[in-house]
N, C-alpha and C. Protein backbone atom coordinates (compact mmCIF):
# COMPACT_ATOMS: atom_id res chain seq x y z
N MET A 1 -14.98 48.96 -39.92
CA MET A 1 -15.81 49.62 -40.91
C MET A 1 -15.12 50.94 -41.28
N HIS A 2 -14.30 50.91 -42.32
CA HIS A 2 -13.56 52.10 -42.73
C HIS A 2 -14.45 53.11 -43.46
N GLU A 3 -15.66 52.71 -43.82
CA GLU A 3 -16.59 53.64 -44.49
C GLU A 3 -16.89 54.85 -43.60
N MET A 4 -17.02 54.65 -42.30
CA MET A 4 -17.36 55.78 -41.42
C MET A 4 -16.23 56.80 -41.41
N SER A 5 -14.99 56.38 -41.37
CA SER A 5 -13.89 57.36 -41.37
C SER A 5 -13.83 58.10 -42.72
N ILE A 6 -14.12 57.40 -43.80
CA ILE A 6 -14.18 58.05 -45.12
C ILE A 6 -15.29 59.09 -45.13
N VAL A 7 -16.45 58.72 -44.63
CA VAL A 7 -17.60 59.63 -44.62
C VAL A 7 -17.34 60.83 -43.72
N GLU A 8 -16.72 60.63 -42.58
CA GLU A 8 -16.43 61.75 -41.68
C GLU A 8 -15.52 62.77 -42.37
N SER A 9 -14.52 62.31 -43.09
CA SER A 9 -13.64 63.21 -43.85
C SER A 9 -14.41 63.90 -44.96
N LEU A 10 -15.27 63.16 -45.62
CA LEU A 10 -16.09 63.71 -46.70
C LEU A 10 -17.00 64.82 -46.18
N VAL A 11 -17.68 64.58 -45.08
CA VAL A 11 -18.58 65.58 -44.50
C VAL A 11 -17.81 66.84 -44.13
N GLU A 12 -16.64 66.67 -43.56
CA GLU A 12 -15.79 67.82 -43.21
C GLU A 12 -15.41 68.62 -44.47
N SER A 13 -15.04 67.93 -45.53
CA SER A 13 -14.67 68.60 -46.79
C SER A 13 -15.85 69.35 -47.38
N VAL A 14 -17.02 68.73 -47.38
CA VAL A 14 -18.21 69.37 -47.93
C VAL A 14 -18.56 70.61 -47.11
N GLN A 15 -18.48 70.52 -45.81
CA GLN A 15 -18.78 71.68 -44.96
C GLN A 15 -17.81 72.83 -45.24
N GLN A 16 -16.54 72.51 -45.44
CA GLN A 16 -15.55 73.54 -45.76
C GLN A 16 -15.87 74.19 -47.10
N GLU A 17 -16.19 73.37 -48.11
CA GLU A 17 -16.48 73.89 -49.44
C GLU A 17 -17.73 74.75 -49.48
N THR A 18 -18.72 74.44 -48.67
CA THR A 18 -20.00 75.16 -48.73
C THR A 18 -20.06 76.40 -47.83
N ARG A 19 -19.02 76.65 -47.07
CA ARG A 19 -19.01 77.86 -46.22
C ARG A 19 -19.12 79.14 -47.05
N ALA A 20 -18.70 79.07 -48.29
CA ALA A 20 -18.75 80.25 -49.17
C ALA A 20 -20.16 80.52 -49.68
N TYR A 21 -21.13 79.65 -49.34
CA TYR A 21 -22.50 79.80 -49.83
C TYR A 21 -23.48 79.81 -48.68
N PRO A 22 -23.43 80.86 -47.83
CA PRO A 22 -24.36 80.90 -46.70
C PRO A 22 -25.80 80.99 -47.20
N GLY A 23 -26.68 80.31 -46.53
CA GLY A 23 -28.09 80.31 -46.93
C GLY A 23 -28.44 79.23 -47.93
N ALA A 24 -27.45 78.54 -48.44
CA ALA A 24 -27.72 77.45 -49.37
C ALA A 24 -27.76 76.13 -48.61
N ARG A 25 -28.52 75.18 -49.15
CA ARG A 25 -28.64 73.86 -48.54
C ARG A 25 -28.01 72.84 -49.48
N VAL A 26 -27.25 71.93 -48.92
CA VAL A 26 -26.64 70.86 -49.72
C VAL A 26 -27.74 69.85 -50.04
N ALA A 27 -27.94 69.59 -51.34
CA ALA A 27 -28.94 68.63 -51.79
C ALA A 27 -28.30 67.27 -52.06
N THR A 28 -27.18 67.28 -52.80
CA THR A 28 -26.55 66.03 -53.21
C THR A 28 -25.04 66.16 -53.17
N VAL A 29 -24.38 65.13 -52.71
CA VAL A 29 -22.93 65.05 -52.72
C VAL A 29 -22.56 63.85 -53.59
N ARG A 30 -21.77 64.11 -54.63
CA ARG A 30 -21.37 63.03 -55.55
C ARG A 30 -19.90 62.68 -55.32
N VAL A 31 -19.66 61.38 -55.20
CA VAL A 31 -18.33 60.87 -54.91
C VAL A 31 -18.01 59.73 -55.87
N ARG A 32 -16.78 59.74 -56.38
CA ARG A 32 -16.28 58.66 -57.24
C ARG A 32 -15.39 57.78 -56.38
N VAL A 33 -15.71 56.47 -56.36
CA VAL A 33 -14.99 55.52 -55.51
C VAL A 33 -14.47 54.36 -56.37
N GLY A 34 -13.18 54.13 -56.31
CA GLY A 34 -12.58 53.01 -57.04
C GLY A 34 -12.94 51.68 -56.40
N LYS A 35 -13.11 50.67 -57.24
CA LYS A 35 -13.50 49.34 -56.77
C LYS A 35 -12.51 48.76 -55.76
N LEU A 36 -11.24 49.07 -55.92
CA LEU A 36 -10.24 48.51 -55.02
C LEU A 36 -10.20 49.20 -53.66
N ARG A 37 -10.99 50.24 -53.47
CA ARG A 37 -11.12 50.87 -52.14
C ARG A 37 -11.91 50.00 -51.19
N LEU A 38 -12.58 48.98 -51.76
CA LEU A 38 -13.35 48.01 -50.98
C LEU A 38 -14.41 48.69 -50.10
N VAL A 39 -15.09 49.66 -50.68
CA VAL A 39 -16.17 50.36 -50.00
C VAL A 39 -17.49 49.68 -50.36
N VAL A 40 -18.31 49.42 -49.37
CA VAL A 40 -19.64 48.86 -49.60
C VAL A 40 -20.59 50.05 -49.71
N PRO A 41 -21.16 50.28 -50.91
CA PRO A 41 -22.00 51.47 -51.11
C PRO A 41 -23.12 51.63 -50.08
N GLU A 42 -23.82 50.56 -49.76
CA GLU A 42 -24.94 50.65 -48.81
C GLU A 42 -24.45 51.06 -47.42
N VAL A 43 -23.29 50.55 -47.03
CA VAL A 43 -22.73 50.90 -45.73
C VAL A 43 -22.31 52.36 -45.73
N MET A 44 -21.70 52.81 -46.83
CA MET A 44 -21.27 54.20 -46.91
C MET A 44 -22.47 55.15 -46.87
N GLU A 45 -23.56 54.79 -47.55
CA GLU A 45 -24.77 55.61 -47.53
C GLU A 45 -25.36 55.68 -46.13
N THR A 46 -25.37 54.56 -45.41
CA THR A 46 -25.87 54.54 -44.04
C THR A 46 -24.99 55.40 -43.13
N CYS A 47 -23.70 55.28 -43.29
CA CYS A 47 -22.76 56.09 -42.51
C CYS A 47 -22.95 57.57 -42.80
N TYR A 48 -23.19 57.91 -44.07
CA TYR A 48 -23.40 59.30 -44.46
C TYR A 48 -24.65 59.86 -43.77
N ALA A 49 -25.72 59.09 -43.79
CA ALA A 49 -26.96 59.54 -43.14
C ALA A 49 -26.73 59.78 -41.65
N ALA A 50 -25.99 58.90 -41.00
CA ALA A 50 -25.70 59.05 -39.57
C ALA A 50 -24.77 60.22 -39.30
N ALA A 51 -23.75 60.40 -40.13
CA ALA A 51 -22.76 61.45 -39.92
C ALA A 51 -23.31 62.85 -40.19
N THR A 52 -24.36 62.94 -40.98
CA THR A 52 -24.90 64.26 -41.32
C THR A 52 -26.07 64.68 -40.43
N LEU A 53 -26.54 63.79 -39.56
CA LEU A 53 -27.60 64.17 -38.62
C LEU A 53 -27.15 65.37 -37.81
N ASP A 54 -28.04 66.29 -37.59
CA ASP A 54 -27.75 67.48 -36.78
C ASP A 54 -26.61 68.31 -37.35
N THR A 55 -26.42 68.26 -38.67
CA THR A 55 -25.44 69.12 -39.34
C THR A 55 -26.16 69.84 -40.47
N PRO A 56 -25.54 70.85 -41.05
CA PRO A 56 -26.16 71.52 -42.20
C PRO A 56 -26.37 70.58 -43.40
N LEU A 57 -25.76 69.43 -43.41
CA LEU A 57 -25.91 68.47 -44.52
C LEU A 57 -27.07 67.50 -44.29
N ALA A 58 -27.74 67.59 -43.16
CA ALA A 58 -28.85 66.67 -42.86
C ALA A 58 -29.87 66.72 -43.99
N GLY A 59 -30.29 65.54 -44.42
CA GLY A 59 -31.28 65.43 -45.48
C GLY A 59 -30.70 65.41 -46.88
N SER A 60 -29.40 65.64 -47.02
CA SER A 60 -28.78 65.59 -48.35
C SER A 60 -28.56 64.14 -48.76
N ARG A 61 -28.38 63.94 -50.06
CA ARG A 61 -28.17 62.59 -50.59
C ARG A 61 -26.71 62.40 -50.95
N LEU A 62 -26.24 61.18 -50.77
CA LEU A 62 -24.90 60.80 -51.20
C LEU A 62 -25.06 59.93 -52.44
N GLU A 63 -24.43 60.33 -53.53
CA GLU A 63 -24.44 59.53 -54.76
C GLU A 63 -23.03 59.02 -55.00
N LEU A 64 -22.92 57.71 -55.15
CA LEU A 64 -21.62 57.08 -55.35
C LEU A 64 -21.51 56.56 -56.78
N GLU A 65 -20.39 56.86 -57.41
CA GLU A 65 -20.07 56.32 -58.73
C GLU A 65 -18.89 55.37 -58.52
N GLN A 66 -19.11 54.10 -58.78
CA GLN A 66 -18.02 53.14 -58.60
C GLN A 66 -17.21 53.06 -59.89
N VAL A 67 -15.90 53.13 -59.75
CA VAL A 67 -14.98 53.09 -60.87
C VAL A 67 -14.32 51.71 -60.92
N ALA A 68 -14.42 51.06 -62.07
CA ALA A 68 -13.79 49.75 -62.25
C ALA A 68 -12.27 49.88 -62.17
N ALA A 69 -11.64 48.80 -61.78
CA ALA A 69 -10.17 48.79 -61.68
C ALA A 69 -9.57 48.28 -62.99
N THR A 70 -8.57 49.01 -63.47
CA THR A 70 -7.83 48.59 -64.67
C THR A 70 -6.34 48.78 -64.43
N ALA A 71 -5.55 48.01 -65.18
CA ALA A 71 -4.10 48.09 -65.05
C ALA A 71 -3.47 47.95 -66.43
N ARG A 72 -2.17 48.32 -66.50
CA ARG A 72 -1.37 48.16 -67.73
C ARG A 72 -0.21 47.24 -67.41
N CYS A 73 -0.04 46.24 -68.25
CA CYS A 73 1.01 45.25 -68.08
C CYS A 73 2.38 45.89 -68.30
N PRO A 74 3.35 45.59 -67.43
CA PRO A 74 4.69 46.14 -67.59
C PRO A 74 5.46 45.50 -68.76
N GLN A 75 5.05 44.32 -69.18
CA GLN A 75 5.74 43.61 -70.25
C GLN A 75 5.19 43.94 -71.63
N CYS A 76 3.88 43.75 -71.81
CA CYS A 76 3.29 43.87 -73.16
C CYS A 76 2.43 45.11 -73.33
N GLN A 77 2.28 45.91 -72.27
CA GLN A 77 1.51 47.16 -72.29
C GLN A 77 0.01 46.94 -72.49
N ASN A 78 -0.46 45.71 -72.37
CA ASN A 78 -1.88 45.40 -72.47
C ASN A 78 -2.62 46.05 -71.29
N GLU A 79 -3.77 46.67 -71.56
CA GLU A 79 -4.61 47.20 -70.50
C GLU A 79 -5.72 46.20 -70.24
N PHE A 80 -5.99 45.93 -68.96
CA PHE A 80 -6.94 44.90 -68.61
C PHE A 80 -7.66 45.22 -67.31
N ALA A 81 -8.82 44.56 -67.13
CA ALA A 81 -9.62 44.74 -65.91
C ALA A 81 -8.94 44.01 -64.76
N VAL A 82 -9.05 44.59 -63.57
CA VAL A 82 -8.46 44.03 -62.36
C VAL A 82 -9.59 43.74 -61.38
N GLU A 83 -9.55 42.56 -60.79
CA GLU A 83 -10.59 42.17 -59.83
C GLU A 83 -10.09 42.20 -58.39
N GLU A 84 -8.78 42.09 -58.18
CA GLU A 84 -8.22 42.01 -56.83
C GLU A 84 -6.98 42.89 -56.74
N GLN A 85 -6.48 43.06 -55.52
CA GLN A 85 -5.28 43.86 -55.30
C GLN A 85 -4.06 43.26 -56.02
N TRP A 86 -3.99 41.94 -56.08
CA TRP A 86 -2.91 41.27 -56.80
C TRP A 86 -3.46 40.89 -58.16
N PHE A 87 -2.72 41.16 -59.23
CA PHE A 87 -3.25 40.88 -60.56
C PHE A 87 -2.16 40.43 -61.52
N GLU A 88 -2.62 39.78 -62.59
CA GLU A 88 -1.74 39.20 -63.60
C GLU A 88 -2.31 39.53 -64.98
N CYS A 89 -1.45 39.86 -65.91
CA CYS A 89 -1.87 40.18 -67.27
C CYS A 89 -2.51 38.94 -67.92
N PRO A 90 -3.71 39.07 -68.44
CA PRO A 90 -4.35 37.92 -69.07
C PRO A 90 -3.72 37.55 -70.42
N LYS A 91 -2.93 38.46 -71.00
CA LYS A 91 -2.32 38.22 -72.31
C LYS A 91 -0.97 37.51 -72.20
N CYS A 92 -0.05 38.05 -71.38
CA CYS A 92 1.29 37.46 -71.29
C CYS A 92 1.59 36.85 -69.92
N HIS A 93 0.67 37.01 -68.98
CA HIS A 93 0.74 36.43 -67.63
C HIS A 93 1.82 37.06 -66.74
N ALA A 94 2.30 38.24 -67.10
CA ALA A 94 3.23 38.96 -66.21
C ALA A 94 2.46 39.41 -64.97
N ALA A 95 3.10 39.37 -63.83
CA ALA A 95 2.47 39.78 -62.58
C ALA A 95 2.59 41.28 -62.39
N GLY A 96 1.56 41.84 -61.79
CA GLY A 96 1.58 43.26 -61.43
C GLY A 96 1.38 44.16 -62.62
N GLY A 97 1.89 45.35 -62.50
CA GLY A 97 1.75 46.35 -63.54
C GLY A 97 1.34 47.68 -62.94
N GLU A 98 1.04 48.60 -63.81
CA GLU A 98 0.64 49.94 -63.38
C GLU A 98 -0.87 50.00 -63.23
N LEU A 99 -1.33 50.29 -62.02
CA LEU A 99 -2.75 50.43 -61.78
C LEU A 99 -3.20 51.76 -62.38
N LEU A 100 -4.17 51.71 -63.28
CA LEU A 100 -4.65 52.91 -63.96
C LEU A 100 -5.87 53.50 -63.27
N THR A 101 -6.80 52.66 -62.88
CA THR A 101 -8.01 53.10 -62.18
C THR A 101 -8.36 52.08 -61.12
N GLY A 102 -9.17 52.51 -60.17
CA GLY A 102 -9.64 51.59 -59.15
C GLY A 102 -9.34 52.00 -57.73
N GLN A 103 -8.48 53.03 -57.55
CA GLN A 103 -8.15 53.52 -56.22
C GLN A 103 -8.75 54.90 -55.93
N GLU A 104 -9.60 55.38 -56.82
CA GLU A 104 -10.16 56.73 -56.67
C GLU A 104 -10.98 56.87 -55.39
N LEU A 105 -10.95 58.05 -54.85
CA LEU A 105 -11.83 58.48 -53.77
C LEU A 105 -11.91 59.99 -53.92
N ASP A 106 -12.81 60.44 -54.79
CA ASP A 106 -12.86 61.84 -55.19
C ASP A 106 -14.22 62.45 -54.93
N LEU A 107 -14.22 63.61 -54.30
CA LEU A 107 -15.43 64.41 -54.19
C LEU A 107 -15.61 65.08 -55.55
N VAL A 108 -16.64 64.70 -56.28
CA VAL A 108 -16.84 65.15 -57.65
C VAL A 108 -17.66 66.42 -57.73
N ASN A 109 -18.74 66.46 -56.93
CA ASN A 109 -19.69 67.55 -57.10
C ASN A 109 -20.51 67.72 -55.83
N ILE A 110 -20.85 68.97 -55.53
CA ILE A 110 -21.77 69.27 -54.44
C ILE A 110 -22.90 70.08 -55.06
N GLU A 111 -24.10 69.55 -55.00
CA GLU A 111 -25.27 70.24 -55.56
C GLU A 111 -25.96 71.00 -54.44
N LEU A 112 -26.13 72.30 -54.66
CA LEU A 112 -26.77 73.16 -53.66
C LEU A 112 -28.16 73.57 -54.12
N GLU A 113 -29.02 73.86 -53.15
CA GLU A 113 -30.36 74.38 -53.41
C GLU A 113 -30.54 75.66 -52.61
N GLU A 114 -31.35 76.53 -53.16
CA GLU A 114 -31.74 77.72 -52.39
C GLU A 114 -32.62 77.26 -51.26
N CYS A 115 -32.43 77.84 -50.08
CA CYS A 115 -33.24 77.38 -48.96
C CYS A 115 -34.14 78.48 -48.41
N CYS A 116 -34.10 79.63 -49.02
CA CYS A 116 -34.96 80.71 -48.56
C CYS A 116 -35.32 81.59 -49.76
N SER A 117 -36.18 82.54 -49.57
CA SER A 117 -36.64 83.39 -50.66
C SER A 117 -35.67 84.53 -50.95
N CYS A 118 -34.56 84.59 -50.23
CA CYS A 118 -33.62 85.68 -50.43
C CYS A 118 -32.78 85.50 -51.69
N GLY A 119 -32.80 84.30 -52.28
CA GLY A 119 -32.07 84.07 -53.51
C GLY A 119 -30.67 83.51 -53.31
N ALA A 120 -30.30 83.19 -52.07
CA ALA A 120 -28.97 82.60 -51.85
C ALA A 120 -28.94 81.22 -52.49
N ALA A 121 -27.79 80.90 -53.10
CA ALA A 121 -27.67 79.57 -53.71
C ALA A 121 -26.34 79.03 -53.35
């Protein structure tokens, strides 16, 4: 289950990013994940809930945006959807090509909330 190692790195990154905002609570963490990363969203969400227990991120939500995989043919320059790691141009049937999208694993946004009346955000 590689989702747990991804989530552990994500939690570490979020904690580093939010150190500059003492007194703020993390509400939502948004992540963009490429389809070819083979991440199961439900498993990643479960791992996130487990990894954030007893941390400052406890109770925050993980929002995943899945990015479709696309490639460009090396022969005819056609751009097309990719369903698997190995792919073939549907127009000229050339194998492979330049993968344009589908391998993303990006921390997009961290939404913070004020957690006290002092005004920290």
